[in-house]
Each structure stands twice: as C-alpha cells, then as structure tokens.
Amino acid sequence: MNALTTRFSVIDAHAHLGEDCVYDVAETEEELVSWYDRTGVKGMVVQPYIPRPTLPDITSAHDRIHKLCQEANVWRRQGIRNLWIWGMASIHPHLPWAMYEEEARRCVKDLGFVALKLHPLAYGCNPKSRDGMHVFETAASLKIAVMVHTGTGIPFSDCLNVEVPAKSNPSTPVILAHGGANFFTDAAIETAKRCDNVFLETSWCGIHHIRKMIRILGAQKIIFASDHGDNLPVELEKYETLHLTDEQYEWCLSRTLQEALRLPKILN
C-alpha cells in the first residue's frame, strides 16, 4: 500500500494491456492487476498497446480489455478486490472512416468504453490533419473524451497541434498524455490555458514540471497516470513529494479524471 492510496481514492488514467507492435512491450492481465493490489490504487482506465493495423487485431485488443472490465465488476461484487476498470479504445486513425466509426461506436455502446486514444507518433498522424480531426469528431458524436500522446514524436506529437481539434470540439474533454513529456511542458501548459477542455496527464513528467502545471493551471486541470504497471509506484511517490493540499490531491488523483470522463465516484 502507498501513503496516498490510504487517504485518497486514486485512479490511473493511463494503463495498458496486451502486446505493442510498435514499441515491442507487453503487459498481461495478471501483471497489470498485481500492481494495483500492491499499491492500493482503486481504478484504472485501460487501453490496448498499439495493435497491428488490422480490424481483427484491433477488435480483439478491445474485447480483451472489456473482459478484464467485466472481471473487475465480478471481483467487486464478490468482495475479492475493490478495483474499478474502464476501457479506452485505440483505433488506427488511417483506417477508412466508416470502419473507424463502427469500431469506436461498438467500443462505447456495446463495451462501455469511455474515451478514444490518438498516438501521433505510433500512428503517424497529426492531430489537426483530416484523419486526426476525425478522431475528435467521432469522440464528439459519441460524447466521450480523447487522450492524445504528446512529447516524443515531433512534429506530430507537439502539444500545440491539439489546439485546433480541441477548440473545434469544445464539449469534448481532451487529455494530453505525458503533459508534453518534460521537453514540451510549456507547450502543454499553454494549450491547456487556451482550451478549457484540455487537461494534462502527468506520467513520466518531472516533479518540478508537475508542480509548475498545478501552480499555473490549478489541480482541476491535472490528471494522475502511470502508463505502465511498473511505473505506478514511482508516479505515486512523485505525487507524495509534491506535498499538496488534500483538495489538490483529490483533484489530481481522481476528481479531474472523473469529471472529464464522467466516471462514477469511487470510495476507499
């Protein structure tokens, strides 16, 4: 258990399951859940690692996450573990638009997923390109959020590329994963200042950068995440070092994400 998780309900906004065809990394259900058992984190939003760009591979990755979500529901009902899991879809943005929309709709309507992921580097897609804009438009039509990888992978992963699609879809919450990844922290902050619907997710960010984000934007714009189970204890330790107020901790560790993704309130 972690000191923060004994005081607050913590939700990890950025977890992965499966095998990644771009980065050659993987995480199993057992590996993923074990970290939440050890740390006491109460919830996670799980997305696939980058699946191969075929529809069967993409749908299989999403079905695997849905199965884990269902298992978590059973665990809670049976008192095995108090863990909440929601799904986030990751669909290749360069698929034919009708195919993209069909899988996004299936994930939301049938599987209960709460967001779409756009990875500009892995998918080779500028967020403000036609296919990139289509991701945001699809999310808007489904009334869900979009998470965008930022930082590594310039020029497409430049945070400033998100401003146009975010402003074009003002009712769609947009989460900048990794908050610019340290080198582009200022760009992430500037984008969040310009767009009311943009939030910063802080996995892999330096402690001083997270402190700067909170100081300038307020905790209501900041979202805790790990990006990998192995990194979960490290990210928690970083937030402990910040010595925030209880209200700031509540926003960063769960409330900002809950309001952005319309998640139910969970209790310790």
Protein backbone atom coordinates (compact mmCIF):
# COMPACT_ATOMS: atom_id res chain seq x y z
CA MET A 1 0.00 0.00 0.00
CA ASN A 2 1.01 3.61 -0.56
CA ALA A 3 0.56 6.53 1.83
CA LEU A 4 -1.59 8.40 -0.70
CA THR A 5 -3.83 5.45 -1.51
CA THR A 6 -4.69 5.03 2.17
CA ARG A 7 -6.01 8.62 2.23
CA PHE A 8 -7.45 9.09 -1.26
CA SER A 9 -9.20 7.09 -3.98
CA VAL A 10 -6.62 7.04 -6.76
CA ILE A 11 -7.45 6.35 -10.41
CA ASP A 12 -4.75 5.65 -13.00
CA ALA A 13 -5.82 7.38 -16.22
CA HIS A 14 -3.32 5.60 -18.46
CA ALA A 15 -2.83 1.83 -18.22
CA HIS A 16 -2.10 -0.67 -20.99
CA LEU A 17 -2.94 -4.28 -21.72
CA GLY A 18 -1.67 -6.64 -24.41
CA GLU A 19 1.23 -6.54 -26.88
CA ASP A 20 2.57 -3.49 -28.70
CA CYS A 21 3.57 -3.90 -32.35
CA VAL A 22 5.46 -0.57 -32.41
CA TYR A 23 7.41 -0.49 -29.13
CA ASP A 24 7.77 -4.27 -28.53
CA VAL A 25 6.44 -4.09 -24.98
CA ALA A 26 3.67 -6.10 -23.35
CA GLU A 27 1.67 -6.42 -20.15
CA THR A 28 -0.64 -9.25 -19.11
CA GLU A 29 -3.80 -9.09 -17.03
CA GLU A 30 -2.02 -10.69 -14.09
CA GLU A 31 0.92 -8.28 -14.25
CA LEU A 32 -1.34 -5.27 -14.54
CA VAL A 33 -3.71 -6.16 -11.70
CA SER A 34 -0.88 -7.15 -9.38
CA TRP A 35 0.41 -3.58 -9.28
CA TYR A 36 -2.98 -2.27 -8.21
CA ASP A 37 -3.19 -4.90 -5.49
CA ARG A 38 0.24 -3.90 -4.21
CA THR A 39 -0.25 -0.12 -4.31
CA GLY A 40 -3.91 0.17 -3.35
CA VAL A 41 -4.88 2.21 -6.43
CA LYS A 42 -8.65 1.83 -6.80
CA GLY A 43 -9.23 2.35 -10.53
CA MET A 44 -7.64 2.40 -13.95
CA VAL A 45 -8.53 3.35 -17.50
CA VAL A 46 -7.04 0.65 -19.72
CA GLN A 47 -6.17 1.00 -23.39
CA PRO A 48 -4.52 -1.51 -25.69
CA TYR A 49 -0.87 -1.28 -26.50
CA ILE A 50 -0.64 -0.37 -30.19
CA PRO A 51 -2.32 -3.29 -32.02
CA ARG A 52 -1.45 -4.28 -35.55
CA PRO A 53 -3.39 -2.08 -38.00
CA THR A 54 -5.97 -4.69 -38.98
CA LEU A 55 -9.56 -4.62 -37.78
CA PRO A 56 -9.46 -8.16 -36.30
CA ASP A 57 -6.37 -7.29 -34.23
CA ILE A 58 -7.93 -4.02 -33.07
CA THR A 59 -11.27 -5.55 -32.10
CA SER A 60 -9.53 -8.44 -30.33
CA ALA A 61 -7.48 -5.98 -28.26
CA HIS A 62 -10.63 -4.11 -27.24
CA ASP A 63 -12.51 -7.32 -26.43
CA ARG A 64 -9.65 -8.37 -24.15
CA ILE A 65 -9.95 -5.11 -22.19
CA HIS A 66 -13.72 -5.48 -21.98
CA LYS A 67 -13.29 -8.94 -20.48
CA LEU A 68 -10.99 -7.50 -17.80
CA CYS A 69 -13.55 -4.77 -17.06
CA GLN A 70 -16.21 -7.44 -16.58
CA GLU A 71 -13.92 -9.45 -14.30
CA ALA A 72 -13.37 -6.37 -12.14
CA ASN A 73 -17.14 -6.00 -11.75
CA VAL A 74 -17.31 -9.59 -10.51
CA TRP A 75 -14.40 -9.07 -8.11
CA ARG A 76 -16.15 -6.10 -6.50
CA ARG A 77 -19.47 -7.92 -6.17
CA GLN A 78 -17.79 -10.92 -4.61
CA GLY A 79 -15.54 -8.85 -2.36
CA ILE A 80 -12.35 -10.23 -3.91
CA ARG A 81 -10.83 -6.80 -4.67
CA ASN A 82 -12.18 -3.25 -4.84
CA LEU A 83 -10.90 -2.35 -8.30
CA TRP A 84 -12.70 -0.33 -10.97
CA ILE A 85 -11.64 -0.66 -14.62
CA TRP A 86 -12.83 1.29 -17.67
CA GLY A 87 -11.76 0.86 -21.28
CA MET A 88 -10.23 3.31 -23.75
CA ALA A 89 -10.23 2.45 -27.46
CA SER A 90 -7.15 2.79 -29.65
CA ILE A 91 -8.07 2.56 -33.34
CA HIS A 92 -5.75 3.25 -36.27
CA PRO A 93 -6.86 6.72 -37.47
CA HIS A 94 -5.93 6.00 -41.09
CA LEU A 95 -8.49 3.21 -41.42
CA PRO A 96 -11.46 4.05 -43.66
CA TRP A 97 -13.62 6.46 -41.69
CA ALA A 98 -16.70 4.24 -41.68
CA MET A 99 -14.61 1.38 -40.27
CA TYR A 100 -13.10 3.66 -37.61
CA GLU A 101 -16.52 4.96 -36.60
CA GLU A 102 -18.05 1.49 -36.44
CA GLU A 103 -15.38 0.18 -34.05
CA ALA A 104 -15.49 3.35 -31.94
CA ARG A 105 -19.26 3.07 -31.67
CA ARG A 106 -19.02 -0.63 -30.74
CA CYS A 107 -16.49 0.12 -28.02
CA VAL A 108 -18.67 2.85 -26.49
CA LYS A 109 -22.17 1.46 -26.99
CA ASP A 110 -21.50 -2.27 -26.53
CA LEU A 111 -18.36 -2.40 -24.40
CA GLY A 112 -18.87 0.73 -22.29
CA PHE A 113 -15.54 2.39 -23.14
CA VAL A 114 -15.09 5.99 -22.03
CA ALA A 115 -12.50 7.51 -24.41
CA LEU A 116 -10.53 7.25 -27.64
CA LYS A 117 -6.72 7.30 -27.86
CA LEU A 118 -4.72 9.05 -30.57
CA HIS A 119 -0.98 8.30 -30.67
CA PRO A 120 0.52 10.71 -33.23
CA LEU A 121 3.93 9.02 -33.22
CA ALA A 122 2.86 5.37 -33.37
CA TYR A 123 0.07 6.06 -35.86
CA GLY A 124 1.91 8.69 -37.91
CA CYS A 125 -0.99 11.11 -37.53
CA ASN A 126 -1.01 14.85 -36.92
CA PRO A 127 -3.98 15.64 -34.59
CA LYS A 128 -5.04 18.54 -36.81
CA SER A 129 -4.85 16.57 -40.06
CA ARG A 130 -8.06 15.29 -41.68
CA ASP A 131 -7.74 11.84 -40.12
CA GLY A 132 -6.65 13.34 -36.81
CA MET A 133 -9.63 15.70 -36.73
CA HIS A 134 -11.88 12.74 -37.49
CA VAL A 135 -10.84 11.12 -34.20
CA PHE A 136 -12.05 14.17 -32.28
CA GLU A 137 -15.23 14.44 -34.34
CA THR A 138 -16.01 10.77 -33.68
CA ALA A 139 -15.46 11.28 -29.95
CA ALA A 140 -17.72 14.33 -30.01
CA SER A 141 -20.50 12.38 -31.71
CA LEU A 142 -20.21 9.65 -29.05
CA LYS A 143 -19.88 12.18 -26.19
CA ILE A 144 -16.60 10.74 -24.90
CA ALA A 145 -13.06 12.05 -24.34
CA VAL A 146 -9.86 11.84 -26.40
CA MET A 147 -6.41 11.13 -24.99
CA VAL A 148 -3.50 12.27 -27.17
CA HIS A 149 0.09 11.14 -26.73
CA THR A 150 2.34 14.22 -26.54
CA GLY A 151 6.05 14.97 -26.34
CA THR A 152 8.06 12.27 -28.09
CA GLY A 153 7.43 12.15 -31.82
CA ILE A 154 7.82 15.72 -33.00
CA PRO A 155 6.34 17.32 -35.05
CA PHE A 156 3.05 15.41 -34.81
CA SER A 157 3.21 14.99 -31.01
CA ASP A 158 3.68 18.70 -30.38
CA CYS A 159 1.00 19.72 -27.87
CA LEU A 160 0.16 22.82 -29.89
CA ASN A 161 -1.24 20.58 -32.66
CA VAL A 162 -4.11 19.72 -30.31
CA GLU A 163 -5.37 23.29 -30.03
CA VAL A 164 -7.30 23.29 -33.33
CA PRO A 165 -9.19 20.00 -32.79
CA ALA A 166 -9.82 20.86 -29.12
CA LYS A 167 -11.29 24.25 -29.96
CA SER A 168 -13.28 22.75 -32.83
CA ASN A 169 -14.87 20.28 -30.40
CA PRO A 170 -15.24 22.34 -27.20
CA SER A 171 -17.55 19.84 -25.46
CA THR A 172 -15.04 17.01 -25.88
CA PRO A 173 -12.57 16.56 -23.00
CA VAL A 174 -9.02 16.25 -24.35
CA ILE A 175 -6.26 14.74 -22.22
CA LEU A 176 -2.62 15.39 -23.16
CA ALA A 177 -0.84 12.18 -22.17
CA HIS A 178 2.56 12.79 -20.55
CA GLY A 179 1.89 16.54 -20.42
CA GLY A 180 4.42 17.28 -23.14
CA ALA A 181 6.94 14.77 -21.75
CA ASN A 182 9.15 17.36 -19.98
CA PHE A 183 10.71 18.91 -23.08
CA PHE A 184 7.36 20.38 -24.12
CA THR A 185 5.83 21.12 -20.72
CA ASP A 186 5.37 24.80 -21.55
CA ALA A 187 3.57 23.92 -24.78
CA ALA A 188 1.26 21.60 -22.85
CA ILE A 189 0.53 24.29 -20.28
CA GLU A 190 -0.11 26.88 -22.98
CA THR A 191 -2.51 24.56 -24.80
CA ALA A 192 -4.42 23.88 -21.58
CA LYS A 193 -4.57 27.63 -20.86
CA ARG A 194 -6.04 28.34 -24.29
CA CYS A 195 -8.55 25.46 -24.24
CA ASP A 196 -10.97 24.95 -21.34
CA ASN A 197 -11.48 21.31 -22.37
CA VAL A 198 -7.78 20.34 -22.33
CA PHE A 199 -6.26 18.54 -19.32
CA LEU A 200 -2.70 17.39 -18.60
CA GLU A 201 -1.87 13.79 -17.69
CA THR A 202 1.46 13.61 -15.88
CA SER A 203 3.01 10.16 -16.40
CA TRP A 204 6.79 10.39 -16.90
CA CYS A 205 6.79 14.11 -16.06
CA GLY A 206 9.42 15.54 -13.71
CA ILE A 207 8.24 16.56 -10.25
CA HIS A 208 9.16 20.21 -10.84
CA HIS A 209 7.15 20.17 -14.08
CA ILE A 210 4.08 18.75 -12.33
CA ARG A 211 4.41 21.41 -9.65
CA LYS A 212 4.57 24.08 -12.37
CA MET A 213 1.45 22.69 -14.08
CA ILE A 214 -0.50 22.80 -10.83
CA ARG A 215 0.74 26.29 -9.96
CA ILE A 216 -0.23 27.77 -13.33
CA LEU A 217 -3.33 25.77 -14.26
CA GLY A 218 -4.68 24.58 -10.93
CA ALA A 219 -5.17 20.99 -9.79
CA GLN A 220 -8.52 20.86 -11.63
CA LYS A 221 -6.55 20.53 -14.88
CA ILE A 222 -4.16 17.79 -13.75
CA ILE A 223 -4.59 14.00 -14.02
CA PHE A 224 -2.52 11.26 -12.38
CA ALA A 225 -1.36 8.31 -14.51
CA SER A 226 1.36 5.68 -14.76
CA ASP A 227 1.49 4.45 -18.42
CA HIS A 228 2.77 1.08 -17.15
CA GLY A 229 2.26 -1.01 -14.03
CA ASP A 230 5.99 -0.99 -13.24
CA ASN A 231 5.83 2.80 -13.15
CA LEU A 232 2.81 3.04 -10.83
CA PRO A 233 4.75 3.13 -7.51
CA VAL A 234 7.13 5.72 -8.95
CA GLU A 235 4.33 8.04 -10.06
CA LEU A 236 2.68 7.77 -6.64
CA GLU A 237 5.96 8.62 -4.95
CA LYS A 238 6.32 11.70 -7.14
CA TYR A 239 2.95 12.99 -6.00
CA GLU A 240 3.82 12.33 -2.35
CA THR A 241 6.89 14.52 -2.82
CA LEU A 242 4.71 17.41 -4.04
CA HIS A 243 3.11 17.85 -0.57
CA LEU A 244 -0.16 19.18 -1.96
CA THR A 245 -3.26 20.13 -0.02
CA ASP A 246 -5.93 17.46 0.41
CA GLU A 247 -8.16 19.29 -2.08
CA GLN A 248 -5.38 19.42 -4.66
CA TYR A 249 -4.66 15.72 -4.16
CA GLU A 250 -8.34 14.85 -4.63
CA TRP A 251 -8.45 16.70 -7.94
CA CYS A 252 -5.17 15.35 -9.33
CA LEU A 253 -5.58 11.76 -8.16
CA SER A 254 -9.17 11.17 -9.24
CA ARG A 255 -11.65 14.02 -9.41
CA THR A 256 -10.33 15.74 -12.55
CA LEU A 257 -10.45 12.46 -14.45
CA GLN A 258 -13.85 11.51 -13.03
CA GLU A 259 -15.38 14.77 -14.19
CA ALA A 260 -13.65 14.74 -17.60
CA LEU A 261 -14.65 11.13 -18.35
CA ARG A 262 -17.94 11.22 -16.40
CA LEU A 263 -16.86 8.33 -14.20
CA PRO A 264 -18.72 7.39 -11.02
CA LYS A 265 -17.27 8.49 -7.70
CA ILE A 266 -15.38 5.64 -6.04
CA LEU A 267 -14.58 5.44 -2.35
CA ASN A 268 -11.70 3.92 -0.37
